[in-house]
Amino acid sequence: MLATNAYDATAVGANRTITMADLVALGARTDAAGYVRFAQEIELLEQMEIEGKLKIDWRHPETSTGKRYTDMVRFTRLR
């Protein structure tokens, strides 16, 4: 939902960043289960990248858990 909404709200050629905090604002927890849920959102972005809809520009690994989950992703919408 977060990834799809972010994609839909981004103009072609524009950049958008989604963060773990965005998902927490939608009710996710900040524990391992929350990071797994965020990883599922990233998988949606990766599928959109394969489909040529966007380009993932970078990912940021968190440092609070020591497990280096991704907590931020920036993408550019291509179409």
PDB file of N, CA and C in Angstrom:
ATOM      1  N   MET A   1       0.813  -1.190   0.000  1.00  0.00           N
ATOM      2  CA  MET A   1       0.000   0.000   0.000  1.00  0.00           C
ATOM      3  C   MET A   1       0.859   1.258   0.000  1.00  0.00           C
ATOM      4  N   LEU A   2       1.841   1.331   0.893  1.00  0.00           N
ATOM      5  CA  LEU A   2       2.708   2.511   0.965  1.00  0.00           C
ATOM      6  C   LEU A   2       3.438   2.726  -0.348  1.00  0.00           C
ATOM      7  N   ALA A   3       4.036   1.662  -0.885  1.00  0.00           N
ATOM      8  CA  ALA A   3       4.801   1.782  -2.130  1.00  0.00           C
ATOM      9  C   ALA A   3       3.907   2.201  -3.288  1.00  0.00           C
ATOM     10  N   THR A   4       2.751   1.590  -3.398  1.00  0.00           N
ATOM     11  CA  THR A   4       1.826   1.910  -4.482  1.00  0.00           C
ATOM     12  C   THR A   4       1.327   3.341  -4.361  1.00  0.00           C
ATOM     13  N   ASN A   5       0.976   3.752  -3.161  1.00  0.00           N
ATOM     14  CA  ASN A   5       0.508   5.125  -2.951  1.00  0.00           C
ATOM     15  C   ASN A   5       1.604   6.138  -3.271  1.00  0.00           C
ATOM     16  N   ALA A   6       2.837   5.836  -2.872  1.00  0.00           N
ATOM     17  CA  ALA A   6       3.958   6.738  -3.152  1.00  0.00           C
ATOM     18  C   ALA A   6       4.191   6.843  -4.656  1.00  0.00           C
ATOM     19  N   TYR A   7       4.135   5.716  -5.344  1.00  0.00           N
ATOM     20  CA  TYR A   7       4.302   5.721  -6.801  1.00  0.00           C
ATOM     21  C   TYR A   7       3.213   6.564  -7.459  1.00  0.00           C
ATOM     22  N   ASP A   8       1.969   6.324  -7.073  1.00  0.00           N
ATOM     23  CA  ASP A   8       0.842   7.043  -7.672  1.00  0.00           C
ATOM     24  C   ASP A   8       0.925   8.546  -7.421  1.00  0.00           C
ATOM     25  N   ALA A   9       1.485   8.944  -6.284  1.00  0.00           N
ATOM     26  CA  ALA A   9       1.563  10.360  -5.920  1.00  0.00           C
ATOM     27  C   ALA A   9       2.780  11.073  -6.509  1.00  0.00           C
ATOM     28  N   THR A  10       3.615  10.337  -7.224  1.00  0.00           N
ATOM     29  CA  THR A  10       4.852  10.900  -7.768  1.00  0.00           C
ATOM     30  C   THR A  10       4.694  11.173  -9.253  1.00  0.00           C
ATOM     31  N   ALA A  11       5.029  12.376  -9.658  1.00  0.00           N
ATOM     32  CA  ALA A  11       4.958  12.737 -11.079  1.00  0.00           C
ATOM     33  C   ALA A  11       6.076  12.033 -11.847  1.00  0.00           C
ATOM     34  N   VAL A  12       5.849  11.774 -13.118  1.00  0.00           N
ATOM     35  CA  VAL A  12       6.870  11.171 -13.967  1.00  0.00           C
ATOM     36  C   VAL A  12       8.096  12.084 -13.966  1.00  0.00           C
ATOM     37  N   GLY A  13       9.254  11.485 -13.719  1.00  0.00           N
ATOM     38  CA  GLY A  13      10.510  12.221 -13.670  1.00  0.00           C
ATOM     39  C   GLY A  13      10.865  12.742 -12.285  1.00  0.00           C
ATOM     40  N   ALA A  14       9.924  12.671 -11.356  1.00  0.00           N
ATOM     41  CA  ALA A  14      10.163  13.170  -9.999  1.00  0.00           C
ATOM     42  C   ALA A  14      10.690  12.061  -9.092  1.00  0.00           C
ATOM     43  N   ASN A  15      11.312  12.482  -8.001  1.00  0.00           N
ATOM     44  CA  ASN A  15      11.836  11.557  -6.991  1.00  0.00           C
ATOM     45  C   ASN A  15      10.889  11.490  -5.806  1.00  0.00           C
ATOM     46  N   ARG A  16      10.909  10.371  -5.119  1.00  0.00           N
ATOM     47  CA  ARG A  16      10.124  10.204  -3.897  1.00  0.00           C
ATOM     48  C   ARG A  16      10.921   9.313  -2.955  1.00  0.00           C
ATOM     49  N   THR A  17      10.835   9.606  -1.689  1.00  0.00           N
ATOM     50  CA  THR A  17      11.469   8.791  -0.662  1.00  0.00           C
ATOM     51  C   THR A  17      10.384   8.213   0.228  1.00  0.00           C
ATOM     52  N   ILE A  18      10.469   6.903   0.492  1.00  0.00           N
ATOM     53  CA  ILE A  18       9.593   6.304   1.489  1.00  0.00           C
ATOM     54  C   ILE A  18      10.478   5.806   2.616  1.00  0.00           C
ATOM     55  N   THR A  19       9.957   5.932   3.832  1.00  0.00           N
ATOM     56  CA  THR A  19      10.738   5.569   5.005  1.00  0.00           C
ATOM     57  C   THR A  19       9.951   4.639   5.917  1.00  0.00           C
ATOM     58  N   MET A  20      10.667   4.015   6.818  1.00  0.00           N
ATOM     59  CA  MET A  20      10.034   3.189   7.831  1.00  0.00           C
ATOM     60  C   MET A  20       9.076   4.047   8.655  1.00  0.00           C
ATOM     61  N   ALA A  21       9.434   5.300   8.883  1.00  0.00           N
ATOM     62  CA  ALA A  21       8.563   6.211   9.644  1.00  0.00           C
ATOM     63  C   ALA A  21       7.221   6.407   8.941  1.00  0.00           C
ATOM     64  N   ASP A  22       7.222   6.408   7.618  1.00  0.00           N
ATOM     65  CA  ASP A  22       5.962   6.514   6.871  1.00  0.00           C
ATOM     66  C   ASP A  22       5.069   5.322   7.181  1.00  0.00           C
ATOM     67  N   LEU A  23       5.674   4.146   7.262  1.00  0.00           N
ATOM     68  CA  LEU A  23       4.913   2.933   7.540  1.00  0.00           C
ATOM     69  C   LEU A  23       4.428   2.921   8.993  1.00  0.00           C
ATOM     70  N   VAL A  24       5.251   3.409   9.907  1.00  0.00           N
ATOM     71  CA  VAL A  24       4.847   3.509  11.317  1.00  0.00           C
ATOM     72  C   VAL A  24       3.636   4.432  11.439  1.00  0.00           C
ATOM     73  N   ALA A  25       3.631   5.504  10.664  1.00  0.00           N
ATOM     74  CA  ALA A  25       2.495   6.425  10.687  1.00  0.00           C
ATOM     75  C   ALA A  25       1.206   5.741  10.234  1.00  0.00           C
ATOM     76  N   LEU A  26       1.342   4.660   9.480  1.00  0.00           N
ATOM     77  CA  LEU A  26       0.179   3.894   9.026  1.00  0.00           C
ATOM     78  C   LEU A  26      -0.158   2.746   9.966  1.00  0.00           C
ATOM     79  N   GLY A  27       0.573   2.648  11.091  1.00  0.00           N
ATOM     80  CA  GLY A  27       0.243   1.646  12.100  1.00  0.00           C
ATOM     81  C   GLY A  27       1.246   0.522  12.289  1.00  0.00           C
ATOM     82  N   ALA A  28       2.334   0.505  11.539  1.00  0.00           N
ATOM     83  CA  ALA A  28       3.334  -0.551  11.708  1.00  0.00           C
ATOM     84  C   ALA A  28       4.126  -0.330  12.993  1.00  0.00           C
ATOM     85  N   ARG A  29       4.676  -1.414  13.503  1.00  0.00           N
ATOM     86  CA  ARG A  29       5.524  -1.327  14.693  1.00  0.00           C
ATOM     87  C   ARG A  29       6.966  -1.084  14.261  1.00  0.00           C
ATOM     88  N   THR A  30       7.789  -0.673  15.208  1.00  0.00           N
ATOM     89  CA  THR A  30       9.208  -0.411  14.909  1.00  0.00           C
ATOM     90  C   THR A  30      10.090  -1.574  15.331  1.00  0.00           C
ATOM     91  N   ASP A  31       9.538  -2.767  15.367  1.00  0.00           N
ATOM     92  CA  ASP A  31      10.315  -3.952  15.707  1.00  0.00           C
ATOM     93  C   ASP A  31      10.647  -4.727  14.429  1.00  0.00           C
ATOM     94  N   ALA A  32      11.176  -5.930  14.593  1.00  0.00           N
ATOM     95  CA  ALA A  32      11.567  -6.731  13.429  1.00  0.00           C
ATOM     96  C   ALA A  32      10.379  -6.984  12.499  1.00  0.00           C
ATOM     97  N   ALA A  33       9.193  -7.197  13.067  1.00  0.00           N
ATOM     98  CA  ALA A  33       8.004  -7.436  12.236  1.00  0.00           C
ATOM     99  C   ALA A  33       7.688  -6.203  11.379  1.00  0.00           C
ATOM    100  N   GLY A  34       7.890  -5.024  11.932  1.00  0.00           N
ATOM    101  CA  GLY A  34       7.674  -3.802  11.169  1.00  0.00           C
ATOM    102  C   GLY A  34       8.659  -3.678  10.025  1.00  0.00           C
ATOM    103  N   TYR A  35       9.912  -4.029  10.281  1.00  0.00           N
ATOM    104  CA  TYR A  35      10.915  -3.964   9.219  1.00  0.00           C
ATOM    105  C   TYR A  35      10.637  -5.002   8.132  1.00  0.00           C
ATOM    106  N   VAL A  36      10.103  -6.155   8.522  1.00  0.00           N
ATOM    107  CA  VAL A  36       9.719  -7.156   7.528  1.00  0.00           C
ATOM    108  C   VAL A  36       8.593  -6.605   6.666  1.00  0.00           C
ATOM    109  N   ARG A  37       7.648  -5.936   7.284  1.00  0.00           N
ATOM    110  CA  ARG A  37       6.546  -5.325   6.530  1.00  0.00           C
ATOM    111  C   ARG A  37       7.087  -4.252   5.574  1.00  0.00           C
ATOM    112  N   PHE A  38       8.048  -3.462   6.034  1.00  0.00           N
ATOM    113  CA  PHE A  38       8.645  -2.453   5.153  1.00  0.00           C
ATOM    114  C   PHE A  38       9.382  -3.133   4.000  1.00  0.00           C
ATOM    115  N   ALA A  39      10.032  -4.259   4.281  1.00  0.00           N
ATOM    116  CA  ALA A  39      10.725  -5.010   3.222  1.00  0.00           C
ATOM    117  C   ALA A  39       9.732  -5.464   2.152  1.00  0.00           C
ATOM    118  N   GLN A  40       8.513  -5.783   2.551  1.00  0.00           N
ATOM    119  CA  GLN A  40       7.487  -6.166   1.574  1.00  0.00           C
ATOM    120  C   GLN A  40       7.125  -4.983   0.679  1.00  0.00           C
ATOM    121  N   GLU A  41       7.110  -3.789   1.252  1.00  0.00           N
ATOM    122  CA  GLU A  41       6.865  -2.587   0.446  1.00  0.00           C
ATOM    123  C   GLU A  41       8.015  -2.377  -0.540  1.00  0.00           C
ATOM    124  N   ILE A  42       9.234  -2.626  -0.091  1.00  0.00           N
ATOM    125  CA  ILE A  42      10.395  -2.489  -0.976  1.00  0.00           C
ATOM    126  C   ILE A  42      10.306  -3.503  -2.117  1.00  0.00           C
ATOM    127  N   GLU A  43       9.825  -4.705  -1.825  1.00  0.00           N
ATOM    128  CA  GLU A  43       9.650  -5.710  -2.870  1.00  0.00           C
ATOM    129  C   GLU A  43       8.673  -5.228  -3.942  1.00  0.00           C
ATOM    130  N   LEU A  44       7.639  -4.509  -3.532  1.00  0.00           N
ATOM    131  CA  LEU A  44       6.713  -3.930  -4.519  1.00  0.00           C
ATOM    132  C   LEU A  44       7.430  -2.921  -5.410  1.00  0.00           C
ATOM    133  N   LEU A  45       8.276  -2.079  -4.794  1.00  0.00           N
ATOM    134  CA  LEU A  45       9.059  -1.129  -5.594  1.00  0.00           C
ATOM    135  C   LEU A  45       9.999  -1.861  -6.539  1.00  0.00           C
ATOM    136  N   GLU A  46      10.630  -2.930  -6.064  1.00  0.00           N
ATOM    137  CA  GLU A  46      11.534  -3.701  -6.918  1.00  0.00           C
ATOM    138  C   GLU A  46      10.791  -4.298  -8.106  1.00  0.00           C
ATOM    139  N   GLN A  47       9.564  -4.762  -7.883  1.00  0.00           N
ATOM    140  CA  GLN A  47       8.763  -5.300  -8.988  1.00  0.00           C
ATOM    141  C   GLN A  47       8.429  -4.194  -9.990  1.00  0.00           C
ATOM    142  N   MET A  48       8.097  -3.007  -9.464  1.00  0.00           N
ATOM    143  CA  MET A  48       7.823  -1.881 -10.363  1.00  0.00           C
ATOM    144  C   MET A  48       9.072  -1.498 -11.148  1.00  0.00           C
ATOM    145  N   GLU A  49      10.241  -1.648 -10.534  1.00  0.00           N
ATOM    146  CA  GLU A  49      11.489  -1.359 -11.240  1.00  0.00           C
ATOM    147  C   GLU A  49      11.697  -2.355 -12.377  1.00  0.00           C
ATOM    148  N   ILE A  50      11.431  -3.621 -12.126  1.00  0.00           N
ATOM    149  CA  ILE A  50      11.540  -4.650 -13.165  1.00  0.00           C
ATOM    150  C   ILE A  50      10.594  -4.335 -14.324  1.00  0.00           C
ATOM    151  N   GLU A  51       9.411  -3.805 -13.995  1.00  0.00           N
ATOM    152  CA  GLU A  51       8.413  -3.465 -15.006  1.00  0.00           C
ATOM    153  C   GLU A  51       8.731  -2.158 -15.729  1.00  0.00           C
ATOM    154  N   GLY A  52       9.802  -1.478 -15.321  1.00  0.00           N
ATOM    155  CA  GLY A  52      10.208  -0.244 -15.977  1.00  0.00           C
ATOM    156  C   GLY A  52       9.440   0.991 -15.533  1.00  0.00           C
ATOM    157  N   LYS A  53       8.718   0.887 -14.424  1.00  0.00           N
ATOM    158  CA  LYS A  53       7.919   2.012 -13.945  1.00  0.00           C
ATOM    159  C   LYS A  53       8.735   3.016 -13.148  1.00  0.00           C
ATOM    160  N   LEU A  54       9.796   2.548 -12.503  1.00  0.00           N
ATOM    161  CA  LEU A  54      10.601   3.427 -11.661  1.00  0.00           C
ATOM    162  C   LEU A  54      12.023   2.897 -11.586  1.00  0.00           C
ATOM    163  N   LYS A  55      12.903   3.717 -11.052  1.00  0.00           N
ATOM    164  CA  LYS A  55      14.304   3.343 -10.808  1.00  0.00           C
ATOM    165  C   LYS A  55      14.581   3.597  -9.337  1.00  0.00           C
ATOM    166  N   ILE A  56      15.007   2.563  -8.623  1.00  0.00           N
ATOM    167  CA  ILE A  56      15.386   2.745  -7.225  1.00  0.00           C
ATOM    168  C   ILE A  56      16.769   3.385  -7.225  1.00  0.00           C
ATOM    169  N   ASP A  57      16.856   4.581  -6.628  1.00  0.00           N
ATOM    170  CA  ASP A  57      18.099   5.341  -6.631  1.00  0.00           C
ATOM    171  C   ASP A  57      19.031   4.944  -5.496  1.00  0.00           C
ATOM    172  N   TRP A  58      18.483   4.747  -4.311  1.00  0.00           N
ATOM    173  CA  TRP A  58      19.300   4.302  -3.182  1.00  0.00           C
ATOM    174  C   TRP A  58      18.437   3.761  -2.062  1.00  0.00           C
ATOM    175  N   ARG A  59      19.107   3.005  -1.205  1.00  0.00           N
ATOM    176  CA  ARG A  59      18.495   2.417  -0.010  1.00  0.00           C
ATOM    177  C   ARG A  59      19.370   2.779   1.179  1.00  0.00           C
ATOM    178  N   HIS A  60      18.732   3.026   2.302  1.00  0.00           N
ATOM    179  CA  HIS A  60      19.468   3.379   3.512  1.00  0.00           C
ATOM    180  C   HIS A  60      19.287   2.278   4.555  1.00  0.00           C
ATOM    181  N   PRO A  61      20.390   1.708   5.062  1.00  0.00           N
ATOM    182  CA  PRO A  61      20.273   0.695   6.119  1.00  0.00           C
ATOM    183  C   PRO A  61      20.181   1.361   7.495  1.00  0.00           C
ATOM    184  N   GLU A  62      19.237   0.875   8.296  1.00  0.00           N
ATOM    185  CA  GLU A  62      19.106   1.410   9.650  1.00  0.00           C
ATOM    186  C   GLU A  62      20.245   0.891  10.519  1.00  0.00           C
ATOM    187  N   THR A  63      20.461   1.550  11.641  1.00  0.00           N
ATOM    188  CA  THR A  63      21.534   1.138  12.548  1.00  0.00           C
ATOM    189  C   THR A  63      21.037   0.863  13.964  1.00  0.00           C
ATOM    190  N   SER A  64      19.762   1.060  14.214  1.00  0.00           N
ATOM    191  CA  SER A  64      19.268   0.916  15.589  1.00  0.00           C
ATOM    192  C   SER A  64      19.154  -0.529  16.047  1.00  0.00           C
ATOM    193  N   THR A  65      18.875  -1.470  15.149  1.00  0.00           N
ATOM    194  CA  THR A  65      18.726  -2.872  15.567  1.00  0.00           C
ATOM    195  C   THR A  65      20.019  -3.662  15.416  1.00  0.00           C
ATOM    196  N   GLY A  66      20.943  -3.158  14.621  1.00  0.00           N
ATOM    197  CA  GLY A  66      22.162  -3.903  14.346  1.00  0.00           C
ATOM    198  C   GLY A  66      22.003  -4.918  13.223  1.00  0.00           C
ATOM    199  N   LYS A  67      20.792  -5.046  12.685  1.00  0.00           N
ATOM    200  CA  LYS A  67      20.530  -6.014  11.620  1.00  0.00           C
ATOM    201  C   LYS A  67      20.554  -5.380  10.237  1.00  0.00           C
ATOM    202  N   ARG A  68      20.705  -4.054  10.194  1.00  0.00           N
ATOM    203  CA  ARG A  68      20.835  -3.307   8.953  1.00  0.00           C
ATOM    204  C   ARG A  68      19.656  -3.493   8.008  1.00  0.00           C
ATOM    205  N   TYR A  69      18.457  -3.517   8.582  1.00  0.00           N
ATOM    206  CA  TYR A  69      17.260  -3.507   7.750  1.00  0.00           C
ATOM    207  C   TYR A  69      17.255  -2.209   6.950  1.00  0.00           C
ATOM    208  N   THR A  70      16.627  -2.229   5.788  1.00  0.00           N
ATOM    209  CA  THR A  70      16.473  -0.997   5.022  1.00  0.00           C
ATOM    210  C   THR A  70      15.359  -0.182   5.668  1.00  0.00           C
ATOM    211  N   ASP A  71      15.629   1.094   5.947  1.00  0.00           N
ATOM    212  CA  ASP A  71      14.608   1.942   6.561  1.00  0.00           C
ATOM    213  C   ASP A  71      14.223   3.143   5.694  1.00  0.00           C
ATOM    214  N   MET A  72      14.844   3.235   4.506  1.00  0.00           N
ATOM    215  CA  MET A  72      14.531   4.351   3.614  1.00  0.00           C
ATOM    216  C   MET A  72      14.905   3.958   2.188  1.00  0.00           C
ATOM    217  N   VAL A  73      14.032   4.295   1.248  1.00  0.00           N
ATOM    218  CA  VAL A  73      14.283   4.023  -0.167  1.00  0.00           C
ATOM    219  C   VAL A  73      13.886   5.260  -0.964  1.00  0.00           C
ATOM    220  N   ARG A  74      14.734   5.626  -1.904  1.00  0.00           N
ATOM    221  CA  ARG A  74      14.427   6.749  -2.799  1.00  0.00           C
ATOM    222  C   ARG A  74      14.322   6.197  -4.214  1.00  0.00           C
ATOM    223  N   PHE A  75      13.278   6.641  -4.921  1.00  0.00           N
ATOM    224  CA  PHE A  75      13.105   6.192  -6.295  1.00  0.00           C
ATOM    225  C   PHE A  75      12.735   7.366  -7.199  1.00  0.00           C
ATOM    226  N   THR A  76      12.944   7.160  -8.497  1.00  0.00           N
ATOM    227  CA  THR A  76      12.524   8.104  -9.528  1.00  0.00           C
ATOM    228  C   THR A  76      11.466   7.414 -10.372  1.00  0.00           C
ATOM    229  N   ARG A  77      10.334   8.072 -10.549  1.00  0.00           N
ATOM    230  CA  ARG A  77       9.285   7.508 -11.384  1.00  0.00           C
ATOM    231  C   ARG A  77       9.644   7.728 -12.854  1.00  0.00           C
ATOM    232  N   LEU A  78       9.584   6.642 -13.635  1.00  0.00           N
ATOM    233  CA  LEU A  78       9.958   6.705 -15.044  1.00  0.00           C
ATOM    234  C   LEU A  78       8.756   6.799 -15.975  1.00  0.00           C
ATOM    235  N   ARG A  79       7.635   6.243 -15.566  1.00  0.00           N
ATOM    236  CA  ARG A  79       6.427   6.328 -16.393  1.00  0.00           C
ATOM    237  C   ARG A  79       5.197   6.218 -15.546  1.00  0.00           C
TER     238      ARG A  79
END
